[in-house]
Amino acid sequence: MTQQDIFELIVANTREIMPGLDQHSFKPEDRLADLGANSIDRADIVMMTLEALSLRIPLVELANARNIGELSALLHAKCA
């Protein structure tokens, strides 16, 4: 799975959790918090993405991701 595939998976999960963003054009620089996702929403999005990727890693390892692009890069590195 490419980093772009993971980015698109995060976007799909974000749209599922936050249906108000259906028309939003996501960019790698987007921050979930800036898009209105509270801490529970963000945790749900990350957990759904980890589950879809069959990854079991501590969430603390993803805490340094500042935006969706960085999150997808970190997850891509874990898939390798």
PDB file of N, CA and C in Angstrom:
ATOM      1  N   MET A   1       0.851  -1.181   0.000  1.00  0.00           N
ATOM      2  CA  MET A   1       0.000   0.000   0.000  1.00  0.00           C
ATOM      3  C   MET A   1       0.892   1.237   0.000  1.00  0.00           C
ATOM      4  N   THR A   2       0.571   2.183  -0.864  1.00  0.00           N
ATOM      5  CA  THR A   2       1.388   3.392  -0.963  1.00  0.00           C
ATOM      6  C   THR A   2       0.979   4.403   0.102  1.00  0.00           C
ATOM      7  N   GLN A   3       1.822   5.407   0.274  1.00  0.00           N
ATOM      8  CA  GLN A   3       1.489   6.469   1.225  1.00  0.00           C
ATOM      9  C   GLN A   3       0.226   7.201   0.767  1.00  0.00           C
ATOM     10  N   GLN A   4       0.048   7.366  -0.536  1.00  0.00           N
ATOM     11  CA  GLN A   4      -1.167   8.012  -1.056  1.00  0.00           C
ATOM     12  C   GLN A   4      -2.406   7.178  -0.730  1.00  0.00           C
ATOM     13  N   ASP A   5      -2.291   5.846  -0.828  1.00  0.00           N
ATOM     14  CA  ASP A   5      -3.415   4.966  -0.469  1.00  0.00           C
ATOM     15  C   ASP A   5      -3.794   5.153   0.999  1.00  0.00           C
ATOM     16  N   ILE A   6      -2.781   5.260   1.846  1.00  0.00           N
ATOM     17  CA  ILE A   6      -3.031   5.445   3.282  1.00  0.00           C
ATOM     18  C   ILE A   6      -3.654   6.812   3.528  1.00  0.00           C
ATOM     19  N   PHE A   7      -3.175   7.832   2.833  1.00  0.00           N
ATOM     20  CA  PHE A   7      -3.777   9.171   2.944  1.00  0.00           C
ATOM     21  C   PHE A   7      -5.255   9.101   2.582  1.00  0.00           C
ATOM     22  N   GLU A   8      -5.582   8.433   1.487  1.00  0.00           N
ATOM     23  CA  GLU A   8      -6.976   8.327   1.047  1.00  0.00           C
ATOM     24  C   GLU A   8      -7.809   7.523   2.038  1.00  0.00           C
ATOM     25  N   LEU A   9      -7.216   6.539   2.689  1.00  0.00           N
ATOM     26  CA  LEU A   9      -7.909   5.773   3.717  1.00  0.00           C
ATOM     27  C   LEU A   9      -8.231   6.664   4.919  1.00  0.00           C
ATOM     28  N   ILE A  10      -7.267   7.484   5.330  1.00  0.00           N
ATOM     29  CA  ILE A  10      -7.497   8.428   6.433  1.00  0.00           C
ATOM     30  C   ILE A  10      -8.622   9.396   6.064  1.00  0.00           C
ATOM     31  N   VAL A  11      -8.610   9.885   4.828  1.00  0.00           N
ATOM     32  CA  VAL A  11      -9.657  10.800   4.362  1.00  0.00           C
ATOM     33  C   VAL A  11     -11.022  10.109   4.409  1.00  0.00           C
ATOM     34  N   ALA A  12     -11.094   8.874   3.926  1.00  0.00           N
ATOM     35  CA  ALA A  12     -12.364   8.141   3.930  1.00  0.00           C
ATOM     36  C   ALA A  12     -12.865   7.935   5.355  1.00  0.00           C
ATOM     37  N   ASN A  13     -11.970   7.587   6.270  1.00  0.00           N
ATOM     38  CA  ASN A  13     -12.357   7.393   7.663  1.00  0.00           C
ATOM     39  C   ASN A  13     -12.783   8.705   8.302  1.00  0.00           C
ATOM     40  N   THR A  14     -12.127   9.786   7.939  1.00  0.00           N
ATOM     41  CA  THR A  14     -12.487  11.101   8.459  1.00  0.00           C
ATOM     42  C   THR A  14     -13.883  11.484   7.987  1.00  0.00           C
ATOM     43  N   ARG A  15     -14.165  11.230   6.731  1.00  0.00           N
ATOM     44  CA  ARG A  15     -15.502  11.550   6.204  1.00  0.00           C
ATOM     45  C   ARG A  15     -16.577  10.691   6.859  1.00  0.00           C
ATOM     46  N   GLU A  16     -16.237   9.448   7.210  1.00  0.00           N
ATOM     47  CA  GLU A  16     -17.211   8.588   7.880  1.00  0.00           C
ATOM     48  C   GLU A  16     -17.523   9.102   9.285  1.00  0.00           C
ATOM     49  N   ILE A  17     -16.485   9.526  10.013  1.00  0.00           N
ATOM     50  CA  ILE A  17     -16.660  10.020  11.378  1.00  0.00           C
ATOM     51  C   ILE A  17     -17.254  11.434  11.381  1.00  0.00           C
ATOM     52  N   MET A  18     -16.887  12.218  10.382  1.00  0.00           N
ATOM     53  CA  MET A  18     -17.317  13.624  10.326  1.00  0.00           C
ATOM     54  C   MET A  18     -18.007  13.889   8.985  1.00  0.00           C
ATOM     55  N   PRO A  19     -19.267  13.493   8.854  1.00  0.00           N
ATOM     56  CA  PRO A  19     -19.958  13.619   7.571  1.00  0.00           C
ATOM     57  C   PRO A  19     -20.062  15.049   7.040  1.00  0.00           C
ATOM     58  N   GLY A  20     -19.881  16.032   7.874  1.00  0.00           N
ATOM     59  CA  GLY A  20     -19.921  17.418   7.428  1.00  0.00           C
ATOM     60  C   GLY A  20     -18.758  17.795   6.523  1.00  0.00           C
ATOM     61  N   LEU A  21     -17.769  16.911   6.418  1.00  0.00           N
ATOM     62  CA  LEU A  21     -16.601  17.188   5.579  1.00  0.00           C
ATOM     63  C   LEU A  21     -16.672  16.483   4.226  1.00  0.00           C
ATOM     64  N   ASP A  22     -17.865  16.030   3.844  1.00  0.00           N
ATOM     65  CA  ASP A  22     -18.021  15.306   2.580  1.00  0.00           C
ATOM     66  C   ASP A  22     -17.507  16.087   1.381  1.00  0.00           C
ATOM     67  N   GLN A  23     -17.673  17.392   1.386  1.00  0.00           N
ATOM     68  CA  GLN A  23     -17.279  18.207   0.243  1.00  0.00           C
ATOM     69  C   GLN A  23     -15.889  18.840   0.405  1.00  0.00           C
ATOM     70  N   HIS A  24     -15.255  18.591   1.551  1.00  0.00           N
ATOM     71  CA  HIS A  24     -13.936  19.185   1.800  1.00  0.00           C
ATOM     72  C   HIS A  24     -12.895  18.542   0.884  1.00  0.00           C
ATOM     73  N   SER A  25     -12.034  19.346   0.315  1.00  0.00           N
ATOM     74  CA  SER A  25     -10.923  18.858  -0.496  1.00  0.00           C
ATOM     75  C   SER A  25      -9.700  18.716   0.413  1.00  0.00           C
ATOM     76  N   PHE A  26      -9.430  17.496   0.830  1.00  0.00           N
ATOM     77  CA  PHE A  26      -8.361  17.249   1.789  1.00  0.00           C
ATOM     78  C   PHE A  26      -6.985  17.438   1.158  1.00  0.00           C
ATOM     79  N   LYS A  27      -6.087  17.993   1.965  1.00  0.00           N
ATOM     80  CA  LYS A  27      -4.690  18.194   1.584  1.00  0.00           C
ATOM     81  C   LYS A  27      -3.816  17.584   2.680  1.00  0.00           C
ATOM     82  N   PRO A  28      -2.599  17.164   2.350  1.00  0.00           N
ATOM     83  CA  PRO A  28      -1.722  16.579   3.370  1.00  0.00           C
ATOM     84  C   PRO A  28      -1.474  17.517   4.555  1.00  0.00           C
ATOM     85  N   GLU A  29      -1.560  18.827   4.342  1.00  0.00           N
ATOM     86  CA  GLU A  29      -1.303  19.792   5.418  1.00  0.00           C
ATOM     87  C   GLU A  29      -2.475  19.929   6.381  1.00  0.00           C
ATOM     88  N   ASP A  30      -3.624  19.354   6.050  1.00  0.00           N
ATOM     89  CA  ASP A  30      -4.802  19.486   6.912  1.00  0.00           C
ATOM     90  C   ASP A  30      -4.562  18.830   8.266  1.00  0.00           C
ATOM     91  N   ARG A  31      -4.990  19.532   9.310  1.00  0.00           N
ATOM     92  CA  ARG A  31      -4.943  18.991  10.672  1.00  0.00           C
ATOM     93  C   ARG A  31      -6.356  18.612  11.073  1.00  0.00           C
ATOM     94  N   LEU A  32      -6.521  17.401  11.607  1.00  0.00           N
ATOM     95  CA  LEU A  32      -7.855  16.952  12.000  1.00  0.00           C
ATOM     96  C   LEU A  32      -8.495  17.895  13.005  1.00  0.00           C
ATOM     97  N   ALA A  33      -7.715  18.400  13.950  1.00  0.00           N
ATOM     98  CA  ALA A  33      -8.255  19.322  14.949  1.00  0.00           C
ATOM     99  C   ALA A  33      -8.766  20.602  14.280  1.00  0.00           C
ATOM    100  N   ASP A  34      -8.041  21.103  13.289  1.00  0.00           N
ATOM    101  CA  ASP A  34      -8.466  22.313  12.587  1.00  0.00           C
ATOM    102  C   ASP A  34      -9.738  22.085  11.779  1.00  0.00           C
ATOM    103  N   LEU A  35      -9.980  20.828  11.402  1.00  0.00           N
ATOM    104  CA  LEU A  35     -11.187  20.494  10.643  1.00  0.00           C
ATOM    105  C   LEU A  35     -12.388  20.264  11.557  1.00  0.00           C
ATOM    106  N   GLY A  36     -12.173  20.378  12.874  1.00  0.00           N
ATOM    107  CA  GLY A  36     -13.263  20.248  13.824  1.00  0.00           C
ATOM    108  C   GLY A  36     -13.341  18.915  14.538  1.00  0.00           C
ATOM    109  N   ALA A  37     -12.354  18.050  14.324  1.00  0.00           N
ATOM    110  CA  ALA A  37     -12.351  16.742  14.986  1.00  0.00           C
ATOM    111  C   ALA A  37     -11.894  16.894  16.433  1.00  0.00           C
ATOM    112  N   ASN A  38     -12.732  16.437  17.363  1.00  0.00           N
ATOM    113  CA  ASN A  38     -12.315  16.459  18.764  1.00  0.00           C
ATOM    114  C   ASN A  38     -11.415  15.253  19.040  1.00  0.00           C
ATOM    115  N   SER A  39     -10.947  15.116  20.248  1.00  0.00           N
ATOM    116  CA  SER A  39      -9.979  14.054  20.561  1.00  0.00           C
ATOM    117  C   SER A  39     -10.571  12.661  20.338  1.00  0.00           C
ATOM    118  N   ILE A  40     -11.847  12.484  20.615  1.00  0.00           N
ATOM    119  CA  ILE A  40     -12.487  11.177  20.395  1.00  0.00           C
ATOM    120  C   ILE A  40     -12.594  10.894  18.899  1.00  0.00           C
ATOM    121  N   ASP A  41     -12.988  11.907  18.126  1.00  0.00           N
ATOM    122  CA  ASP A  41     -13.047  11.744  16.667  1.00  0.00           C
ATOM    123  C   ASP A  41     -11.688  11.350  16.114  1.00  0.00           C
ATOM    124  N   ARG A  42     -10.654  12.043  16.563  1.00  0.00           N
ATOM    125  CA  ARG A  42      -9.300  11.768  16.057  1.00  0.00           C
ATOM    126  C   ARG A  42      -8.871  10.351  16.416  1.00  0.00           C
ATOM    127  N   ALA A  43      -9.149   9.931  17.644  1.00  0.00           N
ATOM    128  CA  ALA A  43      -8.798   8.572  18.059  1.00  0.00           C
ATOM    129  C   ALA A  43      -9.555   7.547  17.224  1.00  0.00           C
ATOM    130  N   ASP A  44     -10.830   7.800  16.969  1.00  0.00           N
ATOM    131  CA  ASP A  44     -11.623   6.884  16.145  1.00  0.00           C
ATOM    132  C   ASP A  44     -11.062   6.782  14.730  1.00  0.00           C
ATOM    133  N   ILE A  45     -10.702   7.909  14.151  1.00  0.00           N
ATOM    134  CA  ILE A  45     -10.154   7.926  12.790  1.00  0.00           C
ATOM    135  C   ILE A  45      -8.857   7.126  12.741  1.00  0.00           C
ATOM    136  N   VAL A  46      -7.985   7.347  13.707  1.00  0.00           N
ATOM    137  CA  VAL A  46      -6.699   6.631  13.734  1.00  0.00           C
ATOM    138  C   VAL A  46      -6.927   5.144  13.965  1.00  0.00           C
ATOM    139  N   MET A  47      -7.806   4.785  14.888  1.00  0.00           N
ATOM    140  CA  MET A  47      -8.061   3.372  15.174  1.00  0.00           C
ATOM    141  C   MET A  47      -8.674   2.665  13.962  1.00  0.00           C
ATOM    142  N   MET A  48      -9.590   3.319  13.266  1.00  0.00           N
ATOM    143  CA  MET A  48     -10.180   2.732  12.064  1.00  0.00           C
ATOM    144  C   MET A  48      -9.115   2.514  10.991  1.00  0.00           C
ATOM    145  N   THR A  49      -8.208   3.463  10.881  1.00  0.00           N
ATOM    146  CA  THR A  49      -7.145   3.357   9.883  1.00  0.00           C
ATOM    147  C   THR A  49      -6.186   2.224  10.246  1.00  0.00           C
ATOM    148  N   LEU A  50      -5.802   2.155  11.517  1.00  0.00           N
ATOM    149  CA  LEU A  50      -4.922   1.064  11.956  1.00  0.00           C
ATOM    150  C   LEU A  50      -5.573  -0.289  11.715  1.00  0.00           C
ATOM    151  N   GLU A  51      -6.847  -0.389  12.008  1.00  0.00           N
ATOM    152  CA  GLU A  51      -7.565  -1.651  11.814  1.00  0.00           C
ATOM    153  C   GLU A  51      -7.600  -2.032  10.334  1.00  0.00           C
ATOM    154  N   ALA A  52      -7.870  -1.064   9.474  1.00  0.00           N
ATOM    155  CA  ALA A  52      -7.920  -1.327   8.034  1.00  0.00           C
ATOM    156  C   ALA A  52      -6.563  -1.774   7.496  1.00  0.00           C
ATOM    157  N   LEU A  53      -5.492  -1.275   8.118  1.00  0.00           N
ATOM    158  CA  LEU A  53      -4.133  -1.631   7.701  1.00  0.00           C
ATOM    159  C   LEU A  53      -3.605  -2.866   8.426  1.00  0.00           C
ATOM    160  N   SER A  54      -4.399  -3.407   9.338  1.00  0.00           N
ATOM    161  CA  SER A  54      -3.987  -4.554  10.169  1.00  0.00           C
ATOM    162  C   SER A  54      -2.708  -4.252  10.937  1.00  0.00           C
ATOM    163  N   LEU A  55      -2.611  -3.033  11.445  1.00  0.00           N
ATOM    164  CA  LEU A  55      -1.456  -2.615  12.242  1.00  0.00           C
ATOM    165  C   LEU A  55      -1.833  -2.575  13.715  1.00  0.00           C
ATOM    166  N   ARG A  56      -0.914  -3.034  14.543  1.00  0.00           N
ATOM    167  CA  ARG A  56      -1.099  -2.944  16.002  1.00  0.00           C
ATOM    168  C   ARG A  56       0.116  -2.210  16.553  1.00  0.00           C
ATOM    169  N   ILE A  57      -0.036  -0.913  16.712  1.00  0.00           N
ATOM    170  CA  ILE A  57       1.056  -0.099  17.252  1.00  0.00           C
ATOM    171  C   ILE A  57       0.475   0.835  18.307  1.00  0.00           C
ATOM    172  N   PRO A  58       1.285   1.198  19.288  1.00  0.00           N
ATOM    173  CA  PRO A  58       0.802   2.133  20.317  1.00  0.00           C
ATOM    174  C   PRO A  58       0.508   3.510  19.702  1.00  0.00           C
ATOM    175  N   LEU A  59      -0.603   4.093  20.105  1.00  0.00           N
ATOM    176  CA  LEU A  59      -0.984   5.401  19.570  1.00  0.00           C
ATOM    177  C   LEU A  59       0.054   6.470  19.860  1.00  0.00           C
ATOM    178  N   VAL A  60       0.802   6.292  20.947  1.00  0.00           N
ATOM    179  CA  VAL A  60       1.821   7.286  21.300  1.00  0.00           C
ATOM    180  C   VAL A  60       2.874   7.408  20.185  1.00  0.00           C
ATOM    181  N   GLU A  61       3.067   6.352  19.409  1.00  0.00           N
ATOM    182  CA  GLU A  61       4.037   6.410  18.309  1.00  0.00           C
ATOM    183  C   GLU A  61       3.569   7.334  17.180  1.00  0.00           C
ATOM    184  N   LEU A  62       2.286   7.660  17.170  1.00  0.00           N
ATOM    185  CA  LEU A  62       1.732   8.519  16.123  1.00  0.00           C
ATOM    186  C   LEU A  62       1.488   9.943  16.610  1.00  0.00           C
ATOM    187  N   ALA A  63       1.787  10.195  17.867  1.00  0.00           N
ATOM    188  CA  ALA A  63       1.473  11.484  18.488  1.00  0.00           C
ATOM    189  C   ALA A  63       2.236  12.654  17.873  1.00  0.00           C
ATOM    190  N   ASN A  64       3.364  12.402  17.243  1.00  0.00           N
ATOM    191  CA  ASN A  64       4.155  13.497  16.681  1.00  0.00           C
ATOM    192  C   ASN A  64       3.675  13.948  15.306  1.00  0.00           C
ATOM    193  N   ALA A  65       2.723  13.230  14.726  1.00  0.00           N
ATOM    194  CA  ALA A  65       2.200  13.636  13.417  1.00  0.00           C
ATOM    195  C   ALA A  65       1.426  14.939  13.575  1.00  0.00           C
ATOM    196  N   ARG A  66       1.837  15.963  12.830  1.00  0.00           N
ATOM    197  CA  ARG A  66       1.202  17.277  12.946  1.00  0.00           C
ATOM    198  C   ARG A  66       0.027  17.462  11.993  1.00  0.00           C
ATOM    199  N   ASN A  67      -0.073  16.590  10.980  1.00  0.00           N
ATOM    200  CA  ASN A  67      -1.154  16.725  10.006  1.00  0.00           C
ATOM    201  C   ASN A  67      -1.420  15.366   9.351  1.00  0.00           C
ATOM    202  N   ILE A  68      -2.386  15.335   8.458  1.00  0.00           N
ATOM    203  CA  ILE A  68      -2.773  14.071   7.833  1.00  0.00           C
ATOM    204  C   ILE A  68      -1.636  13.509   6.980  1.00  0.00           C
ATOM    205  N   GLY A  69      -0.892  14.368   6.327  1.00  0.00           N
ATOM    206  CA  GLY A  69       0.232  13.914   5.508  1.00  0.00           C
ATOM    207  C   GLY A  69       1.297  13.221   6.341  1.00  0.00           C
ATOM    208  N   GLU A  70       1.632  13.807   7.483  1.00  0.00           N
ATOM    209  CA  GLU A  70       2.638  13.200   8.359  1.00  0.00           C
ATOM    210  C   GLU A  70       2.119  11.893   8.954  1.00  0.00           C
ATOM    211  N   LEU A  71       0.828  11.854   9.276  1.00  0.00           N
ATOM    212  CA  LEU A  71       0.236  10.628   9.794  1.00  0.00           C
ATOM    213  C   LEU A  71       0.318   9.517   8.752  1.00  0.00           C
ATOM    214  N   SER A  72      -0.013   9.838   7.507  1.00  0.00           N
ATOM    215  CA  SER A  72       0.056   8.820   6.469  1.00  0.00           C
ATOM    216  C   SER A  72       1.497   8.356   6.246  1.00  0.00           C
ATOM    217  N   ALA A  73       2.468   9.262   6.362  1.00  0.00           N
ATOM    218  CA  ALA A  73       3.871   8.877   6.206  1.00  0.00           C
ATOM    219  C   ALA A  73       4.317   7.947   7.332  1.00  0.00           C
ATOM    220  N   LEU A  74       3.929   8.258   8.571  1.00  0.00           N
ATOM    221  CA  LEU A  74       4.278   7.397   9.704  1.00  0.00           C
ATOM    222  C   LEU A  74       3.653   6.014   9.555  1.00  0.00           C
ATOM    223  N   LEU A  75       2.401   5.957   9.152  1.00  0.00           N
ATOM    224  CA  LEU A  75       1.731   4.670   8.977  1.00  0.00           C
ATOM    225  C   LEU A  75       2.338   3.883   7.819  1.00  0.00           C
ATOM    226  N   HIS A  76       2.704   4.589   6.774  1.00  0.00           N
ATOM    227  CA  HIS A  76       3.341   3.926   5.636  1.00  0.00           C
ATOM    228  C   HIS A  76       4.662   3.287   6.046  1.00  0.00           C
ATOM    229  N   ALA A  77       5.418   3.980   6.867  1.00  0.00           N
ATOM    230  CA  ALA A  77       6.693   3.439   7.352  1.00  0.00           C
ATOM    231  C   ALA A  77       6.459   2.184   8.215  1.00  0.00           C
ATOM    232  N   LYS A  78       5.352   2.165   8.966  1.00  0.00           N
ATOM    233  CA  LYS A  78       5.039   1.004   9.817  1.00  0.00           C
ATOM    234  C   LYS A  78       4.575  -0.184   8.995  1.00  0.00           C
ATOM    235  N   CYS A  79       4.053   0.058   7.809  1.00  0.00           N
ATOM    236  CA  CYS A  79       3.576  -1.020   6.938  1.00  0.00           C
ATOM    237  C   CYS A  79       4.727  -1.736   6.242  1.00  0.00           C
ATOM    238  N   ALA A  80       5.845  -1.073   6.130  1.00  0.00           N
ATOM    239  CA  ALA A  80       6.970  -1.639   5.386  1.00  0.00           C
ATOM    240  C   ALA A  80       7.649  -2.780   6.123  1.00  0.00           C
TER     241      ALA A  80
END
